[in-house]
């Protein structure tokens, strides 16, 4: 049975594919990890919190640079998979169940809070940002990395609809300008860089009915032969995106 509430759906799906995330090269070996450490400039006496830790890649990356990391996630099965994957490699990581939109910590607890490739699953991501502001110490650092959509509203709607077809636990990807809104007490900065990954890495979420629908809806080659699943998926997305723009 598929849960009707978004968080229950996320727990179900991420629990089902937890081990795929702990074995995901995209999450553990992405070039952006070193960029995040450089951007945060962590100090050895810092206490860090990694929200929606998933497989634990971000917590593991920051562990050598701080005193302690608390890795938290909404999905118990995901948290247990992360513990099995990263605990043997770092002794200063603690694990805690937690809802990103209602963090179970007192005010001014952390020097650093990170959240990577997760807020597009949150029903109320700006409630999450408020929680981060509450839990950060004065002068603390918040590092957020997530997927974004173009500023064009039609294109954004199409991409989000497409992503929900593939993954029903997807809530919404936001445009960059939406993340730049004011948060009381916070100063927001940004750093851009380029990265890429094969779209087949989406298979970490399972080759289920949603992914098959996306692939089966994509066009075949001009000569009538079937294109590869990934190639068809990309072409389908780009054609839909062009329809939105023009």
Protein backbone atom coordinates (compact mmCIF):
# COMPACT_ATOMS: atom_id res chain seq x y z
CA UNK A 1 0.00 0.00 0.00
CA UNK A 2 1.31 3.47 -0.94
CA UNK A 3 1.03 6.00 1.93
CA UNK A 4 -1.04 9.10 1.21
CA UNK A 5 1.11 11.43 3.28
CA UNK A 6 4.32 12.71 1.58
CA UNK A 7 6.61 11.85 4.47
CA UNK A 8 5.20 8.35 4.77
CA UNK A 9 5.76 7.89 1.04
CA UNK A 10 9.35 9.09 1.35
CA UNK A 11 9.97 6.69 4.23
CA UNK A 12 8.55 3.81 2.23
CA UNK A 13 10.53 4.47 -0.94
CA UNK A 14 13.82 5.44 0.64
CA UNK A 15 13.56 2.52 3.03
CA UNK A 16 13.06 0.22 0.06
CA UNK A 17 16.14 1.52 -1.77
CA UNK A 18 18.37 2.39 1.19
CA UNK A 19 21.19 0.06 0.20
CA UNK A 20 21.25 1.53 -3.31
CA UNK A 21 22.07 4.93 -1.83
CA UNK A 22 24.87 3.63 0.36
CA UNK A 23 26.41 2.13 -2.79
CA UNK A 24 25.84 5.16 -5.04
CA UNK A 25 29.07 6.54 -6.60
CA UNK A 26 27.19 9.75 -7.40
CA UNK A 27 26.58 10.41 -3.71
CA UNK A 28 29.90 9.22 -2.28
CA UNK A 29 32.35 10.26 -4.99
CA UNK A 30 30.80 13.35 -6.50
CA UNK A 31 33.25 16.18 -7.11
CA UNK A 32 30.93 18.53 -5.26
CA UNK A 33 31.87 17.00 -1.90
CA UNK A 34 35.27 18.68 -1.92
CA UNK A 35 33.58 21.94 -2.97
CA UNK A 36 31.28 21.73 0.03
CA UNK A 37 34.17 21.30 2.45
CA UNK A 38 36.01 24.19 0.83
CA UNK A 39 32.93 26.38 1.03
CA UNK A 40 32.17 25.54 4.67
CA UNK A 41 35.77 25.92 5.89
CA UNK A 42 35.04 23.74 8.95
CA UNK A 43 37.12 23.91 12.14
CA UNK A 44 38.30 21.00 14.32
CA UNK A 45 36.21 22.02 17.33
CA UNK A 46 32.93 22.31 15.41
CA UNK A 47 29.76 20.30 16.04
CA UNK A 48 28.05 19.51 12.73
CA UNK A 49 24.61 18.24 11.77
CA UNK A 50 23.86 16.51 8.47
CA UNK A 51 20.13 16.63 7.73
CA UNK A 52 18.52 13.94 5.55
CA UNK A 53 21.85 12.16 5.54
CA UNK A 54 20.67 9.41 3.19
CA UNK A 55 23.57 7.02 2.71
CA UNK A 56 25.77 9.20 4.92
CA UNK A 57 28.19 10.50 2.28
CA UNK A 58 28.13 14.12 3.45
CA UNK A 59 28.49 13.19 7.12
CA UNK A 60 31.44 10.97 6.26
CA UNK A 61 33.06 13.71 4.17
CA UNK A 62 32.93 16.28 6.97
CA UNK A 63 33.80 13.92 9.83
CA UNK A 64 37.61 14.33 9.50
CA UNK A 65 37.27 18.12 9.61
CA UNK A 66 35.12 18.59 12.74
CA UNK A 67 34.86 17.37 16.32
CA UNK A 68 31.59 15.49 15.80
CA UNK A 69 28.85 14.98 13.21
CA UNK A 70 25.26 14.03 13.96
CA UNK A 71 23.67 12.33 10.96
CA UNK A 72 19.88 12.47 10.95
CA UNK A 73 17.24 11.11 8.60
CA UNK A 74 13.47 10.68 8.50
CA UNK A 75 13.72 7.05 7.35
CA UNK A 76 14.93 4.55 9.98
CA UNK A 77 15.97 1.95 7.38
CA UNK A 78 18.04 4.57 5.55
CA UNK A 79 19.68 5.66 8.78
CA UNK A 80 20.56 2.08 9.65
CA UNK A 81 22.02 1.54 6.17
CA UNK A 82 24.10 4.71 6.59
CA UNK A 83 25.33 3.51 9.97
CA UNK A 84 26.45 0.19 8.48
CA UNK A 85 28.16 1.97 5.58
CA UNK A 86 30.04 4.81 7.28
CA UNK A 87 30.39 4.03 11.01
CA UNK A 88 33.41 1.74 10.39
CA UNK A 89 35.19 4.65 8.67
CA UNK A 90 34.57 7.39 11.25
CA UNK A 91 34.26 7.18 15.03
CA UNK A 92 32.91 10.70 15.50
CA UNK A 93 29.54 10.27 13.75
CA UNK A 94 26.35 9.81 15.77
CA UNK A 95 23.04 8.76 14.21
CA UNK A 96 19.61 10.12 15.11
CA UNK A 97 16.09 9.84 13.68
CA UNK A 98 14.80 13.26 12.76
CA UNK A 99 12.36 15.23 10.62
CA UNK A 100 14.06 18.04 8.68
CA UNK A 101 11.03 20.27 9.22
CA UNK A 102 10.98 19.67 12.98
CA UNK A 103 14.58 19.11 14.04
CA UNK A 104 14.87 17.47 17.49
CA UNK A 105 17.57 19.82 18.77
CA UNK A 106 17.64 22.92 20.95
CA UNK A 107 18.44 26.39 19.66
CA UNK A 108 22.03 27.39 18.88
CA UNK A 109 23.31 23.79 18.90
CA UNK A 110 25.51 23.52 15.80
CA UNK A 111 28.42 25.31 14.18
CA UNK A 112 27.64 23.70 10.82
CA UNK A 113 24.50 22.23 9.26
CA UNK A 114 24.58 20.47 5.90
CA UNK A 115 21.84 19.11 3.66
CA UNK A 116 22.65 17.61 0.27
CA UNK A 117 20.33 16.55 -2.56
CA UNK A 118 17.27 16.21 -0.32
CA UNK A 119 15.00 19.29 0.03
CA UNK A 120 13.16 18.51 -3.22
CA UNK A 121 11.55 15.70 -1.20
CA UNK A 122 10.46 18.01 1.66
CA UNK A 123 6.78 19.08 1.76
CA UNK A 124 7.75 22.38 3.43
CA UNK A 125 11.40 23.13 2.60
CA UNK A 126 11.27 26.68 3.88
CA UNK A 127 10.05 25.41 7.23
CA UNK A 128 13.23 23.32 7.14
CA UNK A 129 15.31 26.45 6.50
CA UNK A 130 13.69 28.11 9.52
CA UNK A 131 14.61 25.07 11.61
CA UNK A 132 18.20 25.32 10.41
CA UNK A 133 18.31 28.99 11.42
CA UNK A 134 16.97 28.04 14.85
CA UNK A 135 19.51 25.26 15.46
CA UNK A 136 22.60 27.08 14.15
CA UNK A 137 24.84 28.93 16.56
CA UNK A 138 25.27 32.66 15.89
CA UNK A 139 27.76 32.90 13.03
CA UNK A 140 27.21 29.24 12.13
CA UNK A 141 27.39 27.90 8.58
CA UNK A 142 24.59 26.27 6.59
CA UNK A 143 25.54 24.34 3.44
CA UNK A 144 22.65 23.43 1.13
CA UNK A 145 22.99 21.55 -2.14
CA UNK A 146 19.96 20.54 -4.17
CA UNK A 147 18.59 20.25 -7.67
CA UNK A 148 17.04 23.36 -9.21
CA UNK A 149 14.74 24.15 -12.12
CA UNK A 150 14.86 27.05 -14.62
CA UNK A 151 13.27 30.38 -13.70
CA UNK A 152 10.70 29.82 -16.46
CA UNK A 153 7.53 28.67 -14.65
CA UNK A 154 6.23 26.44 -17.44
CA UNK A 155 9.55 24.66 -17.75
CA UNK A 156 9.73 24.26 -13.99
CA UNK A 157 6.25 22.74 -13.85
CA UNK A 158 7.08 20.28 -16.61
CA UNK A 159 10.34 19.15 -15.03
CA UNK A 160 8.73 18.69 -11.62
CA UNK A 161 5.83 16.75 -13.16
CA UNK A 162 8.27 14.57 -15.05
CA UNK A 163 10.26 13.88 -11.90
CA UNK A 164 7.13 12.94 -9.94
CA UNK A 165 6.29 10.47 -12.70
CA UNK A 166 9.64 8.80 -12.11
CA UNK A 167 9.65 9.16 -8.32
CA UNK A 168 6.32 9.73 -6.53
CA UNK A 169 8.17 10.84 -3.37
CA UNK A 170 9.42 13.93 -5.24
CA UNK A 171 7.81 17.11 -3.89
CA UNK A 172 9.26 20.03 -5.84
CA UNK A 173 12.53 21.39 -7.14
CA UNK A 174 12.80 25.16 -6.74
CA UNK A 175 14.38 27.77 -8.97
CA UNK A 176 17.55 29.38 -7.68
CA UNK A 177 15.84 32.73 -7.13
CA UNK A 178 13.34 31.07 -4.77
CA UNK A 179 16.15 29.82 -2.54
CA UNK A 180 17.62 33.33 -2.40
CA UNK A 181 14.72 34.67 -0.34
CA UNK A 182 15.51 36.36 2.94
CA UNK A 183 15.84 34.23 6.07
CA UNK A 184 15.92 36.30 9.29
CA UNK A 185 19.38 36.29 10.79
CA UNK A 186 21.06 34.62 7.80
CA UNK A 187 23.36 35.96 5.10
CA UNK A 188 23.06 33.91 1.92
CA UNK A 189 25.93 33.44 -0.53
CA UNK A 190 26.40 31.14 -3.51
CA UNK A 191 29.14 29.44 -5.48
CA UNK A 192 28.53 27.87 -8.88
CA UNK A 193 30.36 24.97 -10.51
CA UNK A 194 29.60 22.46 -13.23
CA UNK A 195 29.16 18.73 -12.82
CA UNK A 196 27.43 15.95 -14.71
CA UNK A 197 26.29 12.39 -14.17
CA UNK A 198 24.73 9.66 -16.34
CA UNK A 199 20.97 9.76 -16.02
CA UNK A 200 21.00 5.99 -15.50
CA UNK A 201 22.18 6.71 -11.97
CA UNK A 202 18.52 7.44 -11.29
CA UNK A 203 18.21 3.65 -11.17
CA UNK A 204 19.35 3.85 -7.56
CA UNK A 205 15.68 4.60 -6.82
CA UNK A 206 14.74 1.30 -8.44
CA UNK A 207 13.56 0.18 -11.85
CA UNK A 208 9.96 0.44 -10.77
CA UNK A 209 6.78 1.34 -12.62
CA UNK A 210 7.45 5.09 -12.50
CA UNK A 211 10.83 4.83 -14.19
CA UNK A 212 9.45 2.39 -16.76
CA UNK A 213 6.63 4.83 -17.56
CA UNK A 214 9.17 7.57 -18.26
CA UNK A 215 11.25 5.36 -20.50
CA UNK A 216 8.33 3.80 -22.33
CA UNK A 217 6.84 7.24 -23.03
CA UNK A 218 10.06 8.49 -24.60
CA UNK A 219 10.41 8.46 -28.41
CA UNK A 220 12.21 5.74 -30.34
CA UNK A 221 15.05 6.31 -32.81
CA UNK A 222 14.14 8.01 -36.13
CA UNK A 223 14.51 4.67 -37.96
CA UNK A 224 11.94 3.07 -35.70
CA UNK A 225 14.36 1.07 -33.58
CA UNK A 226 14.29 1.37 -29.81
CA UNK A 227 16.74 3.81 -28.28
CA UNK A 228 18.44 2.92 -25.03
CA UNK A 229 16.39 3.69 -21.94
CA UNK A 230 18.64 6.54 -20.81
CA UNK A 231 18.95 8.13 -24.25
CA UNK A 232 15.19 8.06 -24.70
CA UNK A 233 14.65 9.48 -21.24
CA UNK A 234 16.95 12.43 -21.92
CA UNK A 235 15.39 13.13 -25.32
CA UNK A 236 11.90 13.00 -23.84
CA UNK A 237 12.84 15.45 -21.12
CA UNK A 238 14.50 17.87 -23.55
CA UNK A 239 11.60 17.78 -25.99
CA UNK A 240 9.15 18.52 -23.22
CA UNK A 241 11.38 21.31 -21.95
CA UNK A 242 11.50 22.87 -25.43
CA UNK A 243 7.71 22.73 -25.64
CA UNK A 244 7.52 24.67 -22.43
CA UNK A 245 10.00 27.31 -23.55
CA UNK A 246 8.74 27.86 -27.07
